[in-house]
């Protein structure tokens, strides 16, 4: 029997001044840029983001119906969320190793 439970994905929820909430996945590679991670918003859905730029222009997302809706949408897409408050050096290391692995195979 196999375990179909998805691996937890570390996520950081942030809120822009206008109120929109973004989910940052600091360990998930989003582009050839070694500084971008995967992100998700209701509008636009998956995309890449510079996490330091997003964090500097946002606040931690407060508990709200909007946050609950975004988390539910991500869960419905198959994510098993591991909610964190900040990016750690370990997350950066995981991202860097994944980035090297992906782009080493492409060269």
PDB file of N, CA and C in Angstrom:
ATOM      1  N   UNK A   1       0.842  -1.164   0.000  1.00  0.00           N
ATOM      2  CA  UNK A   1       0.000   0.000   0.000  1.00  0.00           C
ATOM      3  C   UNK A   1       0.897   1.240   0.000  1.00  0.00           C
ATOM      4  N   UNK A   2       0.552   2.213  -0.812  1.00  0.00           N
ATOM      5  CA  UNK A   2       1.335   3.447  -0.860  1.00  0.00           C
ATOM      6  C   UNK A   2       0.627   4.540  -0.093  1.00  0.00           C
ATOM      7  N   UNK A   3       1.428   5.476   0.380  1.00  0.00           N
ATOM      8  CA  UNK A   3       0.885   6.614   1.107  1.00  0.00           C
ATOM      9  C   UNK A   3       0.709   7.761   0.120  1.00  0.00           C
ATOM     10  N   UNK A   4      -0.538   8.160  -0.140  1.00  0.00           N
ATOM     11  CA  UNK A   4      -0.827   9.229  -1.093  1.00  0.00           C
ATOM     12  C   UNK A   4      -0.887  10.603  -0.434  1.00  0.00           C
ATOM     13  N   UNK A   5      -0.526  10.669   0.843  1.00  0.00           N
ATOM     14  CA  UNK A   5      -0.550  11.946   1.541  1.00  0.00           C
ATOM     15  C   UNK A   5       0.570  12.828   0.995  1.00  0.00           C
ATOM     16  N   UNK A   6       0.229  14.037   0.551  1.00  0.00           N
ATOM     17  CA  UNK A   6       1.285  14.899   0.016  1.00  0.00           C
ATOM     18  C   UNK A   6       2.265  15.323   1.104  1.00  0.00           C
ATOM     19  N   UNK A   7       3.499  15.535   0.686  1.00  0.00           N
ATOM     20  CA  UNK A   7       4.520  16.048   1.597  1.00  0.00           C
ATOM     21  C   UNK A   7       4.131  17.458   2.014  1.00  0.00           C
ATOM     22  N   UNK A   8       4.317  17.806   3.269  1.00  0.00           N
ATOM     23  CA  UNK A   8       3.987  19.184   3.679  1.00  0.00           C
ATOM     24  C   UNK A   8       4.819  20.207   2.902  1.00  0.00           C
ATOM     25  N   UNK A   9       4.186  21.290   2.532  1.00  0.00           N
ATOM     26  CA  UNK A   9       4.843  22.392   1.834  1.00  0.00           C
ATOM     27  C   UNK A   9       4.850  23.590   2.764  1.00  0.00           C
ATOM     28  N   UNK A  10       6.052  24.089   3.045  1.00  0.00           N
ATOM     29  CA  UNK A  10       6.149  25.255   3.910  1.00  0.00           C
ATOM     30  C   UNK A  10       5.632  26.476   3.173  1.00  0.00           C
ATOM     31  N   UNK A  11       4.792  27.239   3.844  1.00  0.00           N
ATOM     32  CA  UNK A  11       4.146  28.402   3.237  1.00  0.00           C
ATOM     33  C   UNK A  11       4.152  29.558   4.233  1.00  0.00           C
ATOM     34  N   UNK A  12       4.318  30.746   3.696  1.00  0.00           N
ATOM     35  CA  UNK A  12       4.259  31.972   4.487  1.00  0.00           C
ATOM     36  C   UNK A  12       3.185  32.849   3.864  1.00  0.00           C
ATOM     37  N   UNK A  13       2.179  33.220   4.640  1.00  0.00           N
ATOM     38  CA  UNK A  13       1.105  34.076   4.149  1.00  0.00           C
ATOM     39  C   UNK A  13       1.410  35.525   4.519  1.00  0.00           C
ATOM     40  N   UNK A  14       1.334  36.409   3.521  1.00  0.00           N
ATOM     41  CA  UNK A  14       1.586  37.834   3.728  1.00  0.00           C
ATOM     42  C   UNK A  14       0.423  38.632   3.158  1.00  0.00           C
ATOM     43  N   UNK A  15       0.208  39.833   3.696  1.00  0.00           N
ATOM     44  CA  UNK A  15      -0.891  40.689   3.235  1.00  0.00           C
ATOM     45  C   UNK A  15      -0.320  42.009   2.715  1.00  0.00           C
ATOM     46  N   UNK A  16      -0.725  42.364   1.503  1.00  0.00           N
ATOM     47  CA  UNK A  16      -0.348  43.639   0.907  1.00  0.00           C
ATOM     48  C   UNK A  16      -1.164  44.763   1.537  1.00  0.00           C
ATOM     49  N   UNK A  17      -0.677  46.010   1.435  1.00  0.00           N
ATOM     50  CA  UNK A  17      -1.422  47.142   2.004  1.00  0.00           C
ATOM     51  C   UNK A  17      -2.860  47.236   1.505  1.00  0.00           C
ATOM     52  N   UNK A  18      -3.122  46.822   0.261  1.00  0.00           N
ATOM     53  CA  UNK A  18      -4.491  46.869  -0.278  1.00  0.00           C
ATOM     54  C   UNK A  18      -5.389  45.767   0.280  1.00  0.00           C
ATOM     55  N   UNK A  19      -4.782  44.798   0.995  1.00  0.00           N
ATOM     56  CA  UNK A  19      -5.564  43.730   1.602  1.00  0.00           C
ATOM     57  C   UNK A  19      -5.410  42.369   0.950  1.00  0.00           C
ATOM     58  N   UNK A  20      -4.867  42.317  -0.278  1.00  0.00           N
ATOM     59  CA  UNK A  20      -4.675  41.021  -0.938  1.00  0.00           C
ATOM     60  C   UNK A  20      -3.669  40.176  -0.162  1.00  0.00           C
ATOM     61  N   UNK A  21      -3.900  38.865  -0.161  1.00  0.00           N
ATOM     62  CA  UNK A  21      -3.008  37.940   0.538  1.00  0.00           C
ATOM     63  C   UNK A  21      -2.268  37.099  -0.490  1.00  0.00           C
ATOM     64  N   UNK A  22      -0.984  36.893  -0.228  1.00  0.00           N
ATOM     65  CA  UNK A  22      -0.134  36.078  -1.081  1.00  0.00           C
ATOM     66  C   UNK A  22       0.447  34.951  -0.238  1.00  0.00           C
ATOM     67  N   UNK A  23       0.547  33.791  -0.846  1.00  0.00           N
ATOM     68  CA  UNK A  23       1.211  32.653  -0.220  1.00  0.00           C
ATOM     69  C   UNK A  23       2.577  32.514  -0.869  1.00  0.00           C
ATOM     70  N   UNK A  24       3.611  32.506  -0.051  1.00  0.00           N
ATOM     71  CA  UNK A  24       4.975  32.290  -0.538  1.00  0.00           C
ATOM     72  C   UNK A  24       5.402  30.875  -0.169  1.00  0.00           C
ATOM     73  N   UNK A  25       5.994  30.185  -1.130  1.00  0.00           N
ATOM     74  CA  UNK A  25       6.532  28.846  -0.899  1.00  0.00           C
ATOM     75  C   UNK A  25       8.051  28.950  -1.010  1.00  0.00           C
ATOM     76  N   UNK A  26       8.745  29.292   0.093  1.00  0.00           N
ATOM     77  CA  UNK A  26      10.161  29.629   0.002  1.00  0.00           C
ATOM     78  C   UNK A  26      11.079  28.495  -0.423  1.00  0.00           C
ATOM     79  N   UNK A  27      10.628  27.266  -0.340  1.00  0.00           N
ATOM     80  CA  UNK A  27      11.474  26.147  -0.748  1.00  0.00           C
ATOM     81  C   UNK A  27      11.216  25.695  -2.184  1.00  0.00           C
ATOM     82  N   UNK A  28      10.215  26.262  -2.839  1.00  0.00           N
ATOM     83  CA  UNK A  28       9.827  25.803  -4.179  1.00  0.00           C
ATOM     84  C   UNK A  28      10.408  26.728  -5.235  1.00  0.00           C
ATOM     85  N   UNK A  29      11.185  26.154  -6.139  1.00  0.00           N
ATOM     86  CA  UNK A  29      11.812  26.902  -7.228  1.00  0.00           C
ATOM     87  C   UNK A  29      10.751  27.327  -8.233  1.00  0.00           C
ATOM     88  N   UNK A  30      10.836  28.582  -8.677  1.00  0.00           N
ATOM     89  CA  UNK A  30       9.812  29.112  -9.584  1.00  0.00           C
ATOM     90  C   UNK A  30      10.355  29.517 -10.944  1.00  0.00           C
ATOM     91  N   UNK A  31      11.667  29.731 -11.052  1.00  0.00           N
ATOM     92  CA  UNK A  31      12.209  30.252 -12.300  1.00  0.00           C
ATOM     93  C   UNK A  31      13.716  30.009 -12.325  1.00  0.00           C
ATOM     94  N   UNK A  32      14.351  30.345 -13.436  1.00  0.00           N
ATOM     95  CA  UNK A  32      15.812  30.232 -13.484  1.00  0.00           C
ATOM     96  C   UNK A  32      16.526  31.152 -12.494  1.00  0.00           C
ATOM     97  N   UNK A  33      15.862  32.181 -12.017  1.00  0.00           N
ATOM     98  CA  UNK A  33      16.473  33.079 -11.034  1.00  0.00           C
ATOM     99  C   UNK A  33      16.633  32.342  -9.709  1.00  0.00           C
ATOM    100  N   UNK A  34      17.824  32.324  -9.153  1.00  0.00           N
ATOM    101  CA  UNK A  34      18.014  31.611  -7.884  1.00  0.00           C
ATOM    102  C   UNK A  34      17.376  32.312  -6.692  1.00  0.00           C
ATOM    103  N   UNK A  35      16.836  33.498  -6.883  1.00  0.00           N
ATOM    104  CA  UNK A  35      16.242  34.249  -5.771  1.00  0.00           C
ATOM    105  C   UNK A  35      14.724  34.172  -5.755  1.00  0.00           C
ATOM    106  N   UNK A  36      14.101  33.648  -6.801  1.00  0.00           N
ATOM    107  CA  UNK A  36      12.632  33.608  -6.858  1.00  0.00           C
ATOM    108  C   UNK A  36      12.102  32.290  -6.309  1.00  0.00           C
ATOM    109  N   UNK A  37      10.980  32.403  -5.611  1.00  0.00           N
ATOM    110  CA  UNK A  37      10.282  31.215  -5.145  1.00  0.00           C
ATOM    111  C   UNK A  37       8.874  31.216  -5.743  1.00  0.00           C
ATOM    112  N   UNK A  38       8.198  30.102  -5.579  1.00  0.00           N
ATOM    113  CA  UNK A  38       6.821  29.976  -6.040  1.00  0.00           C
ATOM    114  C   UNK A  38       5.906  30.785  -5.117  1.00  0.00           C
ATOM    115  N   UNK A  39       4.866  31.352  -5.696  1.00  0.00           N
ATOM    116  CA  UNK A  39       3.865  32.073  -4.908  1.00  0.00           C
ATOM    117  C   UNK A  39       2.486  31.732  -5.454  1.00  0.00           C
ATOM    118  N   UNK A  40       1.464  32.156  -4.711  1.00  0.00           N
ATOM    119  CA  UNK A  40       0.092  31.893  -5.140  1.00  0.00           C
ATOM    120  C   UNK A  40      -0.812  32.975  -4.577  1.00  0.00           C
ATOM    121  N   UNK A  41      -1.706  33.475  -5.421  1.00  0.00           N
ATOM    122  CA  UNK A  41      -2.757  34.406  -5.012  1.00  0.00           C
ATOM    123  C   UNK A  41      -4.039  33.985  -5.713  1.00  0.00           C
ATOM    124  N   UNK A  42      -5.183  34.417  -5.153  1.00  0.00           N
ATOM    125  CA  UNK A  42      -6.456  34.132  -5.823  1.00  0.00           C
ATOM    126  C   UNK A  42      -6.405  34.635  -7.262  1.00  0.00           C
ATOM    127  N   UNK A  43      -6.012  35.882  -7.421  1.00  0.00           N
ATOM    128  CA  UNK A  43      -5.943  36.496  -8.748  1.00  0.00           C
ATOM    129  C   UNK A  43      -4.571  36.210  -9.328  1.00  0.00           C
ATOM    130  N   UNK A  44      -4.526  35.535 -10.445  1.00  0.00           N
ATOM    131  CA  UNK A  44      -3.243  35.220 -11.061  1.00  0.00           C
ATOM    132  C   UNK A  44      -2.729  33.842 -10.694  1.00  0.00           C
ATOM    133  N   UNK A  45      -3.098  33.356  -9.559  1.00  0.00           N
ATOM    134  CA  UNK A  45      -2.762  32.040  -9.053  1.00  0.00           C
ATOM    135  C   UNK A  45      -1.250  31.838  -8.949  1.00  0.00           C
ATOM    136  N   UNK A  46      -0.682  30.735  -9.479  1.00  0.00           N
ATOM    137  CA  UNK A  46       0.746  30.474  -9.294  1.00  0.00           C
ATOM    138  C   UNK A  46       1.596  31.482 -10.059  1.00  0.00           C
ATOM    139  N   UNK A  47       2.698  31.853  -9.459  1.00  0.00           N
ATOM    140  CA  UNK A  47       3.655  32.742 -10.093  1.00  0.00           C
ATOM    141  C   UNK A  47       4.955  32.714  -9.326  1.00  0.00           C
ATOM    142  N   UNK A  48       5.910  33.473  -9.808  1.00  0.00           N
ATOM    143  CA  UNK A  48       7.181  33.571  -9.107  1.00  0.00           C
ATOM    144  C   UNK A  48       7.217  34.883  -8.334  1.00  0.00           C
ATOM    145  N   UNK A  49       8.030  34.902  -7.287  1.00  0.00           N
ATOM    146  CA  UNK A  49       8.131  36.102  -6.452  1.00  0.00           C
ATOM    147  C   UNK A  49       9.517  36.157  -5.830  1.00  0.00           C
ATOM    148  N   UNK A  50       9.996  37.374  -5.647  1.00  0.00           N
ATOM    149  CA  UNK A  50      11.198  37.595  -4.857  1.00  0.00           C
ATOM    150  C   UNK A  50      10.730  37.708  -3.404  1.00  0.00           C
ATOM    151  N   UNK A  51      10.941  36.688  -2.595  1.00  0.00           N
ATOM    152  CA  UNK A  51      10.351  36.696  -1.255  1.00  0.00           C
ATOM    153  C   UNK A  51      10.771  37.879  -0.391  1.00  0.00           C
ATOM    154  N   UNK A  52      12.026  38.299  -0.493  1.00  0.00           N
ATOM    155  CA  UNK A  52      12.456  39.432   0.327  1.00  0.00           C
ATOM    156  C   UNK A  52      11.707  40.700  -0.063  1.00  0.00           C
ATOM    157  N   UNK A  53      11.459  40.894  -1.367  1.00  0.00           N
ATOM    158  CA  UNK A  53      10.703  42.063  -1.809  1.00  0.00           C
ATOM    159  C   UNK A  53       9.262  42.007  -1.318  1.00  0.00           C
ATOM    160  N   UNK A  54       8.650  40.833  -1.418  1.00  0.00           N
ATOM    161  CA  UNK A  54       7.267  40.690  -0.955  1.00  0.00           C
ATOM    162  C   UNK A  54       7.196  40.949   0.546  1.00  0.00           C
ATOM    163  N   UNK A  55       8.108  40.361   1.293  1.00  0.00           N
ATOM    164  CA  UNK A  55       8.083  40.518   2.741  1.00  0.00           C
ATOM    165  C   UNK A  55       8.292  41.971   3.141  1.00  0.00           C
ATOM    166  N   UNK A  56       9.178  42.677   2.434  1.00  0.00           N
ATOM    167  CA  UNK A  56       9.434  44.072   2.812  1.00  0.00           C
ATOM    168  C   UNK A  56       8.243  44.990   2.515  1.00  0.00           C
ATOM    169  N   UNK A  57       7.348  44.581   1.608  1.00  0.00           N
ATOM    170  CA  UNK A  57       6.206  45.414   1.257  1.00  0.00           C
ATOM    171  C   UNK A  57       4.879  44.936   1.803  1.00  0.00           C
ATOM    172  N   UNK A  58       4.930  43.984   2.749  1.00  0.00           N
ATOM    173  CA  UNK A  58       3.703  43.387   3.277  1.00  0.00           C
ATOM    174  C   UNK A  58       3.815  43.235   4.791  1.00  0.00           C
ATOM    175  N   UNK A  59       2.711  42.780   5.376  1.00  0.00           N
ATOM    176  CA  UNK A  59       2.702  42.413   6.791  1.00  0.00           C
ATOM    177  C   UNK A  59       2.289  40.946   6.884  1.00  0.00           C
ATOM    178  N   UNK A  60       2.593  40.276   8.008  1.00  0.00           N
ATOM    179  CA  UNK A  60       2.082  38.914   8.173  1.00  0.00           C
ATOM    180  C   UNK A  60       0.557  38.921   8.016  1.00  0.00           C
ATOM    181  N   UNK A  61       0.047  37.979   7.262  1.00  0.00           N
ATOM    182  CA  UNK A  61      -1.402  37.928   7.033  1.00  0.00           C
ATOM    183  C   UNK A  61      -2.116  37.593   8.331  1.00  0.00           C
ATOM    184  N   UNK A  62      -3.053  38.448   8.734  1.00  0.00           N
ATOM    185  CA  UNK A  62      -3.807  38.155   9.955  1.00  0.00           C
ATOM    186  C   UNK A  62      -4.837  37.054   9.693  1.00  0.00           C
ATOM    187  N   UNK A  63      -5.243  36.379  10.768  1.00  0.00           N
ATOM    188  CA  UNK A  63      -6.339  35.417  10.617  1.00  0.00           C
ATOM    189  C   UNK A  63      -7.554  36.171  10.110  1.00  0.00           C
ATOM    190  N   UNK A  64      -8.105  35.695   9.006  1.00  0.00           N
ATOM    191  CA  UNK A  64      -9.242  36.372   8.389  1.00  0.00           C
ATOM    192  C   UNK A  64      -9.944  35.391   7.461  1.00  0.00           C
ATOM    193  N   UNK A  65     -11.152  35.721   7.034  1.00  0.00           N
ATOM    194  CA  UNK A  65     -11.831  34.871   6.048  1.00  0.00           C
ATOM    195  C   UNK A  65     -11.026  34.771   4.744  1.00  0.00           C
ATOM    196  N   UNK A  66     -10.348  35.856   4.357  1.00  0.00           N
ATOM    197  CA  UNK A  66      -9.563  35.837   3.117  1.00  0.00           C
ATOM    198  C   UNK A  66      -8.408  34.844   3.226  1.00  0.00           C
ATOM    199  N   UNK A  67      -7.734  34.832   4.377  1.00  0.00           N
ATOM    200  CA  UNK A  67      -6.645  33.880   4.589  1.00  0.00           C
ATOM    201  C   UNK A  67      -7.185  32.455   4.589  1.00  0.00           C
ATOM    202  N   UNK A  68      -8.287  32.239   5.271  1.00  0.00           N
ATOM    203  CA  UNK A  68      -8.892  30.901   5.307  1.00  0.00           C
ATOM    204  C   UNK A  68      -9.283  30.441   3.906  1.00  0.00           C
ATOM    205  N   UNK A  69      -9.833  31.350   3.096  1.00  0.00           N
ATOM    206  CA  UNK A  69     -10.211  31.004   1.718  1.00  0.00           C
ATOM    207  C   UNK A  69      -8.997  30.613   0.892  1.00  0.00           C
ATOM    208  N   UNK A  70      -7.899  31.378   1.017  1.00  0.00           N
ATOM    209  CA  UNK A  70      -6.702  31.071   0.244  1.00  0.00           C
ATOM    210  C   UNK A  70      -6.105  29.742   0.683  1.00  0.00           C
ATOM    211  N   UNK A  71      -6.054  29.504   1.988  1.00  0.00           N
ATOM    212  CA  UNK A  71      -5.541  28.227   2.494  1.00  0.00           C
ATOM    213  C   UNK A  71      -6.408  27.066   2.013  1.00  0.00           C
ATOM    214  N   UNK A  72      -7.727  27.250   2.009  1.00  0.00           N
ATOM    215  CA  UNK A  72      -8.635  26.193   1.529  1.00  0.00           C
ATOM    216  C   UNK A  72      -8.434  25.938   0.038  1.00  0.00           C
ATOM    217  N   UNK A  73      -8.234  27.006  -0.729  1.00  0.00           N
ATOM    218  CA  UNK A  73      -7.989  26.853  -2.172  1.00  0.00           C
ATOM    219  C   UNK A  73      -6.712  26.056  -2.418  1.00  0.00           C
ATOM    220  N   UNK A  74      -5.664  26.358  -1.662  1.00  0.00           N
ATOM    221  CA  UNK A  74      -4.403  25.634  -1.816  1.00  0.00           C
ATOM    222  C   UNK A  74      -4.546  24.174  -1.402  1.00  0.00           C
ATOM    223  N   UNK A  75      -5.283  23.938  -0.333  1.00  0.00           N
ATOM    224  CA  UNK A  75      -5.516  22.564   0.111  1.00  0.00           C
ATOM    225  C   UNK A  75      -6.297  21.789  -0.950  1.00  0.00           C
ATOM    226  N   UNK A  76      -7.279  22.435  -1.568  1.00  0.00           N
ATOM    227  CA  UNK A  76      -8.062  21.783  -2.634  1.00  0.00           C
ATOM    228  C   UNK A  76      -7.192  21.459  -3.848  1.00  0.00           C
ATOM    229  N   UNK A  77      -6.126  22.232  -4.051  1.00  0.00           N
ATOM    230  CA  UNK A  77      -5.193  21.957  -5.158  1.00  0.00           C
ATOM    231  C   UNK A  77      -4.233  20.819  -4.832  1.00  0.00           C
ATOM    232  N   UNK A  78      -4.266  20.335  -3.586  1.00  0.00           N
ATOM    233  CA  UNK A  78      -3.422  19.205  -3.203  1.00  0.00           C
ATOM    234  C   UNK A  78      -2.284  19.535  -2.265  1.00  0.00           C
ATOM    235  N   UNK A  79      -2.179  20.789  -1.875  1.00  0.00           N
ATOM    236  CA  UNK A  79      -1.130  21.152  -0.924  1.00  0.00           C
ATOM    237  C   UNK A  79      -1.484  20.681   0.480  1.00  0.00           C
ATOM    238  N   UNK A  80      -0.489  20.240   1.193  1.00  0.00           N
ATOM    239  CA  UNK A  80      -0.596  20.008   2.639  1.00  0.00           C
ATOM    240  C   UNK A  80       0.276  21.091   3.263  1.00  0.00           C
ATOM    241  N   UNK A  81      -0.347  22.112   3.802  1.00  0.00           N
ATOM    242  CA  UNK A  81       0.352  23.324   4.200  1.00  0.00           C
ATOM    243  C   UNK A  81       1.012  23.202   5.566  1.00  0.00           C
ATOM    244  N   UNK A  82       2.251  23.669   5.622  1.00  0.00           N
ATOM    245  CA  UNK A  82       2.995  23.805   6.870  1.00  0.00           C
ATOM    246  C   UNK A  82       3.246  25.307   7.021  1.00  0.00           C
ATOM    247  N   UNK A  83       2.363  25.990   7.748  1.00  0.00           N
ATOM    248  CA  UNK A  83       2.386  27.457   7.828  1.00  0.00           C
ATOM    249  C   UNK A  83       3.514  27.920   8.739  1.00  0.00           C
ATOM    250  N   UNK A  84       4.300  28.843   8.206  1.00  0.00           N
ATOM    251  CA  UNK A  84       5.425  29.431   8.938  1.00  0.00           C
ATOM    252  C   UNK A  84       5.282  30.942   8.956  1.00  0.00           C
ATOM    253  N   UNK A  85       6.001  31.590   9.848  1.00  0.00           N
ATOM    254  CA  UNK A  85       5.934  33.053   9.964  1.00  0.00           C
ATOM    255  C   UNK A  85       7.082  33.738   9.233  1.00  0.00           C
ATOM    256  N   UNK A  86       8.217  33.048   9.066  1.00  0.00           N
ATOM    257  CA  UNK A  86       9.369  33.689   8.421  1.00  0.00           C
ATOM    258  C   UNK A  86      10.196  32.671   7.656  1.00  0.00           C
ATOM    259  N   UNK A  87      11.011  33.187   6.745  1.00  0.00           N
ATOM    260  CA  UNK A  87      11.924  32.341   5.983  1.00  0.00           C
ATOM    261  C   UNK A  87      13.148  32.064   6.854  1.00  0.00           C
ATOM    262  N   UNK A  88      13.531  30.814   6.929  1.00  0.00           N
ATOM    263  CA  UNK A  88      14.684  30.423   7.735  1.00  0.00           C
ATOM    264  C   UNK A  88      15.879  30.119   6.823  1.00  0.00           C
ATOM    265  N   UNK A  89      17.078  30.106   7.391  1.00  0.00           N
ATOM    266  CA  UNK A  89      18.245  29.711   6.593  1.00  0.00           C
ATOM    267  C   UNK A  89      18.083  28.304   6.003  1.00  0.00           C
ATOM    268  N   UNK A  90      17.447  27.406   6.735  1.00  0.00           N
ATOM    269  CA  UNK A  90      17.232  26.049   6.219  1.00  0.00           C
ATOM    270  C   UNK A  90      16.340  26.083   4.971  1.00  0.00           C
ATOM    271  N   UNK A  91      15.302  26.908   4.961  1.00  0.00           N
ATOM    272  CA  UNK A  91      14.447  27.031   3.774  1.00  0.00           C
ATOM    273  C   UNK A  91      15.256  27.536   2.588  1.00  0.00           C
ATOM    274  N   UNK A  92      16.129  28.510   2.834  1.00  0.00           N
ATOM    275  CA  UNK A  92      16.980  29.032   1.755  1.00  0.00           C
ATOM    276  C   UNK A  92      17.899  27.935   1.221  1.00  0.00           C
ATOM    277  N   UNK A  93      18.437  27.114   2.123  1.00  0.00           N
ATOM    278  CA  UNK A  93      19.314  26.014   1.708  1.00  0.00           C
ATOM    279  C   UNK A  93      18.563  24.986   0.862  1.00  0.00           C
ATOM    280  N   UNK A  94      17.344  24.647   1.273  1.00  0.00           N
ATOM    281  CA  UNK A  94      16.523  23.689   0.509  1.00  0.00           C
ATOM    282  C   UNK A  94      16.244  24.254  -0.887  1.00  0.00           C
ATOM    283  N   UNK A  95      15.875  25.537  -0.949  1.00  0.00           N
ATOM    284  CA  UNK A  95      15.603  26.191  -2.234  1.00  0.00           C
ATOM    285  C   UNK A  95      16.848  26.182  -3.115  1.00  0.00           C
ATOM    286  N   UNK A  96      17.992  26.543  -2.559  1.00  0.00           N
ATOM    287  CA  UNK A  96      19.234  26.601  -3.340  1.00  0.00           C
ATOM    288  C   UNK A  96      19.605  25.222  -3.883  1.00  0.00           C
ATOM    289  N   UNK A  97      19.466  24.190  -3.062  1.00  0.00           N
ATOM    290  CA  UNK A  97      19.788  22.830  -3.515  1.00  0.00           C
ATOM    291  C   UNK A  97      18.831  22.381  -4.609  1.00  0.00           C
ATOM    292  N   UNK A  98      17.550  22.668  -4.459  1.00  0.00           N
ATOM    293  CA  UNK A  98      16.569  22.298  -5.490  1.00  0.00           C
ATOM    294  C   UNK A  98      16.853  23.052  -6.789  1.00  0.00           C
ATOM    295  N   UNK A  99      17.198  24.320  -6.673  1.00  0.00           N
ATOM    296  CA  UNK A  99      17.501  25.135  -7.853  1.00  0.00           C
ATOM    297  C   UNK A  99      18.718  24.560  -8.587  1.00  0.00           C
ATOM    298  N   UNK A 100      19.778  24.241  -7.848  1.00  0.00           N
ATOM    299  CA  UNK A 100      20.975  23.647  -8.476  1.00  0.00           C
ATOM    300  C   UNK A 100      20.622  22.345  -9.164  1.00  0.00           C
ATOM    301  N   UNK A 101      19.817  21.505  -8.508  1.00  0.00           N
ATOM    302  CA  UNK A 101      19.448  20.217  -9.079  1.00  0.00           C
ATOM    303  C   UNK A 101      18.659  20.384 -10.372  1.00  0.00           C
ATOM    304  N   UNK A 102      17.673  21.262 -10.374  1.00  0.00           N
ATOM    305  CA  UNK A 102      16.844  21.469 -11.559  1.00  0.00           C
ATOM    306  C   UNK A 102      17.657  21.998 -12.725  1.00  0.00           C
ATOM    307  N   UNK A 103      18.443  23.036 -12.480  1.00  0.00           N
ATOM    308  CA  UNK A 103      19.128  23.702 -13.584  1.00  0.00           C
ATOM    309  C   UNK A 103      20.429  23.027 -13.977  1.00  0.00           C
ATOM    310  N   UNK A 104      20.967  22.154 -13.139  1.00  0.00           N
ATOM    311  CA  UNK A 104      22.115  21.317 -13.524  1.00  0.00           C
ATOM    312  C   UNK A 104      21.659  20.286 -14.552  1.00  0.00           C
ATOM    313  N   UNK A 105      20.456  19.733 -14.346  1.00  0.00           N
ATOM    314  CA  UNK A 105      19.919  18.715 -15.271  1.00  0.00           C
ATOM    315  C   UNK A 105      19.607  19.319 -16.638  1.00  0.00           C
ATOM    316  N   UNK A 106      19.312  20.606 -16.683  1.00  0.00           N
ATOM    317  CA  UNK A 106      18.932  21.240 -17.948  1.00  0.00           C
ATOM    318  C   UNK A 106      20.128  21.667 -18.774  1.00  0.00           C
ATOM    319  N   UNK A 107      21.314  21.703 -18.175  1.00  0.00           N
ATOM    320  CA  UNK A 107      22.478  22.168 -18.941  1.00  0.00           C
ATOM    321  C   UNK A 107      23.226  21.042 -19.599  1.00  0.00           C
TER     322      UNK A 107
END
